[in-house]
Amino acid sequence: MRVHEITVPKDLQANDLQTVAQQASRFRSAVTLKLEEEQIVLDAKSMLGMMLMQIRGGTRLLIQTKGSDEEEALDAMCELLERLPLKS
């Protein structure tokens, strides 16, 4: 299992969350997001689950990947989540 923590610098919009779910679905590994303060665990591959959650700027996310391509999945998810909030 691989784990990385990031702080979301800006609110994620619905299209950002959809992109996260689509990206996570590309991997065989399980990809989960833990919102530490709310103690919520999301399956990043679940489009519905991602769309129901509001991820605000300043939220600390713990990204966990587990499986045969966990390292690649973690790298891709970290890059994506760090890049997405920069869009206007």
PDB file of N, CA and C in Angstrom:
ATOM      1  N   MET A   1       0.850  -1.177   0.000  1.00  0.00           N
ATOM      2  CA  MET A   1       0.000   0.000   0.000  1.00  0.00           C
ATOM      3  C   MET A   1       0.893   1.236   0.000  1.00  0.00           C
ATOM      4  N   ARG A   2       0.488   2.213  -0.813  1.00  0.00           N
ATOM      5  CA  ARG A   2       1.187   3.498  -0.899  1.00  0.00           C
ATOM      6  C   ARG A   2       0.259   4.582  -0.370  1.00  0.00           C
ATOM      7  N   VAL A   3       0.830   5.573   0.318  1.00  0.00           N
ATOM      8  CA  VAL A   3       0.043   6.641   0.921  1.00  0.00           C
ATOM      9  C   VAL A   3       0.752   7.966   0.711  1.00  0.00           C
ATOM     10  N   HIS A   4      -0.037   9.009   0.436  1.00  0.00           N
ATOM     11  CA  HIS A   4       0.510  10.359   0.305  1.00  0.00           C
ATOM     12  C   HIS A   4      -0.549  11.350   0.764  1.00  0.00           C
ATOM     13  N   GLU A   5      -0.126  12.363   1.491  1.00  0.00           N
ATOM     14  CA  GLU A   5      -1.063  13.391   1.963  1.00  0.00           C
ATOM     15  C   GLU A   5      -0.853  14.682   1.182  1.00  0.00           C
ATOM     16  N   ILE A   6      -1.965  15.290   0.771  1.00  0.00           N
ATOM     17  CA  ILE A   6      -1.895  16.604   0.122  1.00  0.00           C
ATOM     18  C   ILE A   6      -2.936  17.505   0.773  1.00  0.00           C
ATOM     19  N   THR A   7      -2.732  18.801   0.620  1.00  0.00           N
ATOM     20  CA  THR A   7      -3.726  19.791   1.029  1.00  0.00           C
ATOM     21  C   THR A   7      -4.271  20.424  -0.231  1.00  0.00           C
ATOM     22  N   VAL A   8      -5.575  20.393  -0.388  1.00  0.00           N
ATOM     23  CA  VAL A   8      -6.219  20.939  -1.577  1.00  0.00           C
ATOM     24  C   VAL A   8      -6.207  22.462  -1.459  1.00  0.00           C
ATOM     25  N   PRO A   9      -5.566  23.159  -2.410  1.00  0.00           N
ATOM     26  CA  PRO A   9      -5.445  24.611  -2.286  1.00  0.00           C
ATOM     27  C   PRO A   9      -6.707  25.389  -2.669  1.00  0.00           C
ATOM     28  N   LYS A  10      -7.639  24.755  -3.373  1.00  0.00           N
ATOM     29  CA  LYS A  10      -8.820  25.457  -3.869  1.00  0.00           C
ATOM     30  C   LYS A  10      -9.980  24.467  -3.982  1.00  0.00           C
ATOM     31  N   ASP A  11     -11.212  24.955  -3.876  1.00  0.00           N
ATOM     32  CA  ASP A  11     -12.385  24.083  -4.007  1.00  0.00           C
ATOM     33  C   ASP A  11     -12.336  23.301  -5.314  1.00  0.00           C
ATOM     34  N   LEU A  12     -12.668  22.006  -5.235  1.00  0.00           N
ATOM     35  CA  LEU A  12     -12.761  21.194  -6.440  1.00  0.00           C
ATOM     36  C   LEU A  12     -14.195  21.235  -6.954  1.00  0.00           C
ATOM     37  N   GLN A  13     -14.334  21.508  -8.225  1.00  0.00           N
ATOM     38  CA  GLN A  13     -15.643  21.595  -8.865  1.00  0.00           C
ATOM     39  C   GLN A  13     -16.075  20.208  -9.346  1.00  0.00           C
ATOM     40  N   ALA A  14     -17.323  20.102  -9.742  1.00  0.00           N
ATOM     41  CA  ALA A  14     -17.879  18.818 -10.183  1.00  0.00           C
ATOM     42  C   ALA A  14     -17.070  18.212 -11.334  1.00  0.00           C
ATOM     43  N   ASN A  15     -16.654  19.033 -12.285  1.00  0.00           N
ATOM     44  CA  ASN A  15     -15.885  18.493 -13.411  1.00  0.00           C
ATOM     45  C   ASN A  15     -14.503  18.008 -12.967  1.00  0.00           C
ATOM     46  N   ASP A  16     -13.928  18.643 -11.939  1.00  0.00           N
ATOM     47  CA  ASP A  16     -12.657  18.175 -11.383  1.00  0.00           C
ATOM     48  C   ASP A  16     -12.828  16.807 -10.735  1.00  0.00           C
ATOM     49  N   LEU A  17     -13.899  16.649  -9.958  1.00  0.00           N
ATOM     50  CA  LEU A  17     -14.155  15.381  -9.275  1.00  0.00           C
ATOM     51  C   LEU A  17     -14.436  14.263 -10.273  1.00  0.00           C
ATOM     52  N   GLN A  18     -15.099  14.599 -11.358  1.00  0.00           N
ATOM     53  CA  GLN A  18     -15.360  13.621 -12.412  1.00  0.00           C
ATOM     54  C   GLN A  18     -14.036  13.174 -13.042  1.00  0.00           C
ATOM     55  N   THR A  19     -13.149  14.106 -13.264  1.00  0.00           N
ATOM     56  CA  THR A  19     -11.845  13.789 -13.835  1.00  0.00           C
ATOM     57  C   THR A  19     -11.049  12.891 -12.891  1.00  0.00           C
ATOM     58  N   VAL A  20     -11.116  13.159 -11.591  1.00  0.00           N
ATOM     59  CA  VAL A  20     -10.424  12.328 -10.607  1.00  0.00           C
ATOM     60  C   VAL A  20     -10.951  10.890 -10.672  1.00  0.00           C
ATOM     61  N   ALA A  21     -12.257  10.731 -10.704  1.00  0.00           N
ATOM     62  CA  ALA A  21     -12.851   9.387 -10.773  1.00  0.00           C
ATOM     63  C   ALA A  21     -12.441   8.670 -12.056  1.00  0.00           C
ATOM     64  N   GLN A  22     -12.439   9.374 -13.163  1.00  0.00           N
ATOM     65  CA  GLN A  22     -12.049   8.756 -14.441  1.00  0.00           C
ATOM     66  C   GLN A  22     -10.580   8.337 -14.411  1.00  0.00           C
ATOM     67  N   GLN A  23      -9.725   9.186 -13.859  1.00  0.00           N
ATOM     68  CA  GLN A  23      -8.294   8.877 -13.778  1.00  0.00           C
ATOM     69  C   GLN A  23      -8.059   7.671 -12.871  1.00  0.00           C
ATOM     70  N   ALA A  24      -8.728   7.642 -11.732  1.00  0.00           N
ATOM     71  CA  ALA A  24      -8.562   6.526 -10.791  1.00  0.00           C
ATOM     72  C   ALA A  24      -8.999   5.199 -11.414  1.00  0.00           C
ATOM     73  N   SER A  25     -10.018   5.251 -12.247  1.00  0.00           N
ATOM     74  CA  SER A  25     -10.556   4.042 -12.876  1.00  0.00           C
ATOM     75  C   SER A  25      -9.605   3.422 -13.892  1.00  0.00           C
ATOM     76  N   ARG A  26      -8.598   4.152 -14.299  1.00  0.00           N
ATOM     77  CA  ARG A  26      -7.622   3.629 -15.254  1.00  0.00           C
ATOM     78  C   ARG A  26      -6.714   2.562 -14.632  1.00  0.00           C
ATOM     79  N   PHE A  27      -6.672   2.505 -13.312  1.00  0.00           N
ATOM     80  CA  PHE A  27      -5.731   1.623 -12.621  1.00  0.00           C
ATOM     81  C   PHE A  27      -6.425   0.401 -12.035  1.00  0.00           C
ATOM     82  N   ARG A  28      -5.682  -0.697 -11.958  1.00  0.00           N
ATOM     83  CA  ARG A  28      -6.197  -1.916 -11.340  1.00  0.00           C
ATOM     84  C   ARG A  28      -6.226  -1.777  -9.815  1.00  0.00           C
ATOM     85  N   SER A  29      -5.324  -0.993  -9.276  1.00  0.00           N
ATOM     86  CA  SER A  29      -5.227  -0.824  -7.828  1.00  0.00           C
ATOM     87  C   SER A  29      -6.450  -0.108  -7.265  1.00  0.00           C
ATOM     88  N   ALA A  30      -6.754  -0.398  -6.001  1.00  0.00           N
ATOM     89  CA  ALA A  30      -7.777   0.353  -5.282  1.00  0.00           C
ATOM     90  C   ALA A  30      -7.213   1.744  -5.001  1.00  0.00           C
ATOM     91  N   VAL A  31      -8.024   2.759  -5.205  1.00  0.00           N
ATOM     92  CA  VAL A  31      -7.619   4.138  -4.949  1.00  0.00           C
ATOM     93  C   VAL A  31      -8.659   4.755  -4.023  1.00  0.00           C
ATOM     94  N   THR A  32      -8.221   5.151  -2.837  1.00  0.00           N
ATOM     95  CA  THR A  32      -9.143   5.769  -1.889  1.00  0.00           C
ATOM     96  C   THR A  32      -8.627   7.128  -1.454  1.00  0.00           C
ATOM     97  N   LEU A  33      -9.572   7.997  -1.145  1.00  0.00           N
ATOM     98  CA  LEU A  33      -9.269   9.322  -0.613  1.00  0.00           C
ATOM     99  C   LEU A  33      -9.858   9.394   0.781  1.00  0.00           C
ATOM    100  N   LYS A  34      -9.048   9.786   1.739  1.00  0.00           N
ATOM    101  CA  LYS A  34      -9.529   9.955   3.108  1.00  0.00           C
ATOM    102  C   LYS A  34      -9.516  11.438   3.432  1.00  0.00           C
ATOM    103  N   LEU A  35     -10.668  11.956   3.808  1.00  0.00           N
ATOM    104  CA  LEU A  35     -10.775  13.325   4.271  1.00  0.00           C
ATOM    105  C   LEU A  35     -10.603  13.267   5.778  1.00  0.00           C
ATOM    106  N   GLU A  36      -9.458  13.712   6.260  1.00  0.00           N
ATOM    107  CA  GLU A  36      -9.079  13.475   7.644  1.00  0.00           C
ATOM    108  C   GLU A  36     -10.011  14.136   8.649  1.00  0.00           C
ATOM    109  N   GLU A  37     -10.335  15.397   8.458  1.00  0.00           N
ATOM    110  CA  GLU A  37     -11.151  16.100   9.447  1.00  0.00           C
ATOM    111  C   GLU A  37     -12.554  15.521   9.545  1.00  0.00           C
ATOM    112  N   GLU A  38     -13.146  15.166   8.421  1.00  0.00           N
ATOM    113  CA  GLU A  38     -14.506  14.618   8.406  1.00  0.00           C
ATOM    114  C   GLU A  38     -14.529  13.120   8.657  1.00  0.00           C
ATOM    115  N   GLN A  39     -13.364  12.485   8.661  1.00  0.00           N
ATOM    116  CA  GLN A  39     -13.225  11.048   8.822  1.00  0.00           C
ATOM    117  C   GLN A  39     -14.077  10.287   7.800  1.00  0.00           C
ATOM    118  N   ILE A  40     -13.966  10.721   6.547  1.00  0.00           N
ATOM    119  CA  ILE A  40     -14.699  10.112   5.448  1.00  0.00           C
ATOM    120  C   ILE A  40     -13.705   9.423   4.522  1.00  0.00           C
ATOM    121  N   VAL A  41     -14.051   8.227   4.065  1.00  0.00           N
ATOM    122  CA  VAL A  41     -13.225   7.490   3.110  1.00  0.00           C
ATOM    123  C   VAL A  41     -14.037   7.335   1.827  1.00  0.00           C
ATOM    124  N   LEU A  42     -13.454   7.777   0.714  1.00  0.00           N
ATOM    125  CA  LEU A  42     -14.120   7.702  -0.584  1.00  0.00           C
ATOM    126  C   LEU A  42     -13.372   6.764  -1.507  1.00  0.00           C
ATOM    127  N   ASP A  43     -14.115   5.982  -2.280  1.00  0.00           N
ATOM    128  CA  ASP A  43     -13.537   5.214  -3.373  1.00  0.00           C
ATOM    129  C   ASP A  43     -13.394   6.187  -4.528  1.00  0.00           C
ATOM    130  N   ALA A  44     -12.156   6.513  -4.877  1.00  0.00           N
ATOM    131  CA  ALA A  44     -11.915   7.513  -5.918  1.00  0.00           C
ATOM    132  C   ALA A  44     -12.436   7.066  -7.285  1.00  0.00           C
ATOM    133  N   LYS A  45     -12.692   5.779  -7.468  1.00  0.00           N
ATOM    134  CA  LYS A  45     -13.215   5.278  -8.736  1.00  0.00           C
ATOM    135  C   LYS A  45     -14.725   5.435  -8.844  1.00  0.00           C
ATOM    136  N   SER A  46     -15.381   5.742  -7.739  1.00  0.00           N
ATOM    137  CA  SER A  46     -16.831   5.875  -7.719  1.00  0.00           C
ATOM    138  C   SER A  46     -17.240   7.285  -8.143  1.00  0.00           C
ATOM    139  N   MET A  47     -17.757   7.389  -9.341  1.00  0.00           N
ATOM    140  CA  MET A  47     -18.176   8.687  -9.864  1.00  0.00           C
ATOM    141  C   MET A  47     -19.232   9.304  -8.951  1.00  0.00           C
ATOM    142  N   LEU A  48     -20.213   8.505  -8.542  1.00  0.00           N
ATOM    143  CA  LEU A  48     -21.280   9.017  -7.688  1.00  0.00           C
ATOM    144  C   LEU A  48     -20.732   9.474  -6.337  1.00  0.00           C
ATOM    145  N   GLY A  49     -19.887   8.640  -5.735  1.00  0.00           N
ATOM    146  CA  GLY A  49     -19.306   9.005  -4.448  1.00  0.00           C
ATOM    147  C   GLY A  49     -18.503  10.289  -4.518  1.00  0.00           C
ATOM    148  N   MET A  50     -17.733  10.439  -5.576  1.00  0.00           N
ATOM    149  CA  MET A  50     -16.923  11.646  -5.741  1.00  0.00           C
ATOM    150  C   MET A  50     -17.811  12.865  -5.955  1.00  0.00           C
ATOM    151  N   MET A  51     -18.879  12.702  -6.730  1.00  0.00           N
ATOM    152  CA  MET A  51     -19.743  13.843  -7.044  1.00  0.00           C
ATOM    153  C   MET A  51     -20.564  14.285  -5.826  1.00  0.00           C
ATOM    154  N   LEU A  52     -20.823  13.390  -4.888  1.00  0.00           N
ATOM    155  CA  LEU A  52     -21.609  13.735  -3.706  1.00  0.00           C
ATOM    156  C   LEU A  52     -20.783  14.463  -2.645  1.00  0.00           C
ATOM    157  N   MET A  53     -19.474  14.384  -2.758  1.00  0.00           N
ATOM    158  CA  MET A  53     -18.597  14.977  -1.740  1.00  0.00           C
ATOM    159  C   MET A  53     -18.090  16.338  -2.205  1.00  0.00           C
ATOM    160  N   GLN A  54     -18.159  17.312  -1.330  1.00  0.00           N
ATOM    161  CA  GLN A  54     -17.584  18.623  -1.615  1.00  0.00           C
ATOM    162  C   GLN A  54     -16.196  18.660  -0.998  1.00  0.00           C
ATOM    163  N   ILE A  55     -15.207  18.895  -1.831  1.00  0.00           N
ATOM    164  CA  ILE A  55     -13.835  18.988  -1.339  1.00  0.00           C
ATOM    165  C   ILE A  55     -13.416  20.448  -1.466  1.00  0.00           C
ATOM    166  N   ARG A  56     -13.281  21.082  -0.339  1.00  0.00           N
ATOM    167  CA  ARG A  56     -12.993  22.516  -0.255  1.00  0.00           C
ATOM    168  C   ARG A  56     -11.489  22.773  -0.182  1.00  0.00           C
ATOM    169  N   GLY A  57     -11.113  23.970  -0.559  1.00  0.00           N
ATOM    170  CA  GLY A  57      -9.730  24.396  -0.410  1.00  0.00           C
ATOM    171  C   GLY A  57      -9.315  24.285   1.042  1.00  0.00           C
ATOM    172  N   GLY A  58      -8.094  23.827   1.287  1.00  0.00           N
ATOM    173  CA  GLY A  58      -7.590  23.649   2.636  1.00  0.00           C
ATOM    174  C   GLY A  58      -7.838  22.270   3.211  1.00  0.00           C
ATOM    175  N   THR A  59      -8.641  21.454   2.518  1.00  0.00           N
ATOM    176  CA  THR A  59      -8.924  20.091   2.975  1.00  0.00           C
ATOM    177  C   THR A  59      -7.667  19.244   2.850  1.00  0.00           C
ATOM    178  N   ARG A  60      -7.359  18.511   3.897  1.00  0.00           N
ATOM    179  CA  ARG A  60      -6.239  17.557   3.843  1.00  0.00           C
ATOM    180  C   ARG A  60      -6.777  16.219   3.365  1.00  0.00           C
ATOM    181  N   LEU A  61      -6.199  15.734   2.280  1.00  0.00           N
ATOM    182  CA  LEU A  61      -6.583  14.442   1.705  1.00  0.00           C
ATOM    183  C   LEU A  61      -5.440  13.454   1.870  1.00  0.00           C
ATOM    184  N   LEU A  62      -5.775  12.264   2.288  1.00  0.00           N
ATOM    185  CA  LEU A  62      -4.820  11.173   2.327  1.00  0.00           C
ATOM    186  C   LEU A  62      -5.164  10.267   1.151  1.00  0.00           C
ATOM    187  N   ILE A  63      -4.269  10.155   0.198  1.00  0.00           N
ATOM    188  CA  ILE A  63      -4.479   9.315  -0.983  1.00  0.00           C
ATOM    189  C   ILE A  63      -3.823   7.966  -0.703  1.00  0.00           C
ATOM    190  N   GLN A  64      -4.601   6.888  -0.840  1.00  0.00           N
ATOM    191  CA  GLN A  64      -4.079   5.543  -0.630  1.00  0.00           C
ATOM    192  C   GLN A  64      -4.310   4.714  -1.886  1.00  0.00           C
ATOM    193  N   THR A  65      -3.285   3.985  -2.270  1.00  0.00           N
ATOM    194  CA  THR A  65      -3.420   3.056  -3.390  1.00  0.00           C
ATOM    195  C   THR A  65      -2.926   1.687  -2.931  1.00  0.00           C
ATOM    196  N   LYS A  66      -3.603   0.646  -3.413  1.00  0.00           N
ATOM    197  CA  LYS A  66      -3.205  -0.712  -3.044  1.00  0.00           C
ATOM    198  C   LYS A  66      -3.483  -1.637  -4.212  1.00  0.00           C
ATOM    199  N   GLY A  67      -2.440  -2.289  -4.695  1.00  0.00           N
ATOM    200  CA  GLY A  67      -2.603  -3.219  -5.799  1.00  0.00           C
ATOM    201  C   GLY A  67      -1.354  -3.306  -6.646  1.00  0.00           C
ATOM    202  N   SER A  68      -1.492  -3.960  -7.772  1.00  0.00           N
ATOM    203  CA  SER A  68      -0.329  -4.258  -8.617  1.00  0.00           C
ATOM    204  C   SER A  68       0.306  -3.017  -9.250  1.00  0.00           C
ATOM    205  N   ASP A  69      -0.480  -1.974  -9.470  1.00  0.00           N
ATOM    206  CA  ASP A  69       0.085  -0.755 -10.064  1.00  0.00           C
ATOM    207  C   ASP A  69      -0.062   0.437  -9.108  1.00  0.00           C
ATOM    208  N   GLU A  70       0.060   0.156  -7.798  1.00  0.00           N
ATOM    209  CA  GLU A  70      -0.195   1.171  -6.775  1.00  0.00           C
ATOM    210  C   GLU A  70       0.743   2.373  -6.861  1.00  0.00           C
ATOM    211  N   GLU A  71       2.001   2.151  -7.187  1.00  0.00           N
ATOM    212  CA  GLU A  71       2.942   3.275  -7.251  1.00  0.00           C
ATOM    213  C   GLU A  71       2.586   4.216  -8.406  1.00  0.00           C
ATOM    214  N   GLU A  72       2.312   3.644  -9.554  1.00  0.00           N
ATOM    215  CA  GLU A  72       1.922   4.441 -10.712  1.00  0.00           C
ATOM    216  C   GLU A  72       0.604   5.175 -10.442  1.00  0.00           C
ATOM    217  N   ALA A  73      -0.332   4.494  -9.812  1.00  0.00           N
ATOM    218  CA  ALA A  73      -1.626   5.098  -9.492  1.00  0.00           C
ATOM    219  C   ALA A  73      -1.456   6.266  -8.525  1.00  0.00           C
ATOM    220  N   LEU A  74      -0.634   6.087  -7.507  1.00  0.00           N
ATOM    221  CA  LEU A  74      -0.427   7.154  -6.528  1.00  0.00           C
ATOM    222  C   LEU A  74       0.230   8.363  -7.184  1.00  0.00           C
ATOM    223  N   ASP A  75       1.241   8.137  -7.998  1.00  0.00           N
ATOM    224  CA  ASP A  75       1.903   9.243  -8.689  1.00  0.00           C
ATOM    225  C   ASP A  75       0.916  10.017  -9.559  1.00  0.00           C
ATOM    226  N   ALA A  76       0.103   9.291 -10.310  1.00  0.00           N
ATOM    227  CA  ALA A  76      -0.863   9.940 -11.208  1.00  0.00           C
ATOM    228  C   ALA A  76      -1.922  10.719 -10.431  1.00  0.00           C
ATOM    229  N   MET A  77      -2.424  10.141  -9.348  1.00  0.00           N
ATOM    230  CA  MET A  77      -3.459  10.813  -8.564  1.00  0.00           C
ATOM    231  C   MET A  77      -2.909  12.052  -7.863  1.00  0.00           C
ATOM    232  N   CYS A  78      -1.703  11.971  -7.342  1.00  0.00           N
ATOM    233  CA  CYS A  78      -1.085  13.134  -6.698  1.00  0.00           C
ATOM    234  C   CYS A  78      -0.892  14.260  -7.712  1.00  0.00           C
ATOM    235  N   GLU A  79      -0.356  13.916  -8.869  1.00  0.00           N
ATOM    236  CA  GLU A  79      -0.139  14.923  -9.906  1.00  0.00           C
ATOM    237  C   GLU A  79      -1.456  15.565 -10.316  1.00  0.00           C
ATOM    238  N   LEU A  80      -2.476  14.754 -10.504  1.00  0.00           N
ATOM    239  CA  LEU A  80      -3.773  15.258 -10.925  1.00  0.00           C
ATOM    240  C   LEU A  80      -4.399  16.173  -9.871  1.00  0.00           C
ATOM    241  N   LEU A  81      -4.418  15.729  -8.626  1.00  0.00           N
ATOM    242  CA  LEU A  81      -5.058  16.514  -7.571  1.00  0.00           C
ATOM    243  C   LEU A  81      -4.283  17.797  -7.268  1.00  0.00           C
ATOM    244  N   GLU A  82      -3.005  17.794  -7.459  1.00  0.00           N
ATOM    245  CA  GLU A  82      -2.215  19.010  -7.244  1.00  0.00           C
ATOM    246  C   GLU A  82      -2.373  19.976  -8.417  1.00  0.00           C
ATOM    247  N   ARG A  83      -2.686  19.446  -9.600  1.00  0.00           N
ATOM    248  CA  ARG A  83      -2.817  20.279 -10.799  1.00  0.00           C
ATOM    249  C   ARG A  83      -4.241  20.797 -10.990  1.00  0.00           C
ATOM    250  N   LEU A  84      -5.256  19.989 -10.721  1.00  0.00           N
ATOM    251  CA  LEU A  84      -6.652  20.368 -10.980  1.00  0.00           C
ATOM    252  C   LEU A  84      -7.085  21.689 -10.349  1.00  0.00           C
ATOM    253  N   PRO A  85      -6.766  21.936  -9.087  1.00  0.00           N
ATOM    254  CA  PRO A  85      -7.262  23.168  -8.486  1.00  0.00           C
ATOM    255  C   PRO A  85      -6.676  24.433  -9.100  1.00  0.00           C
ATOM    256  N   LEU A  86      -5.632  24.306  -9.901  1.00  0.00           N
ATOM    257  CA  LEU A  86      -5.019  25.490 -10.483  1.00  0.00           C
ATOM    258  C   LEU A  86      -5.773  26.018 -11.687  1.00  0.00           C
ATOM    259  N   LYS A  87      -6.703  25.206 -12.219  1.00  0.00           N
ATOM    260  CA  LYS A  87      -7.513  25.666 -13.348  1.00  0.00           C
ATOM    261  C   LYS A  87      -8.483  26.737 -12.868  1.00  0.00           C
ATOM    262  N   SER A  88      -8.775  27.674 -13.752  1.00  0.00           N
ATOM    263  CA  SER A  88      -9.747  28.719 -13.370  1.00  0.00           C
ATOM    264  C   SER A  88     -11.085  28.446 -13.996  1.00  0.00           C
TER     265      SER A  88
END
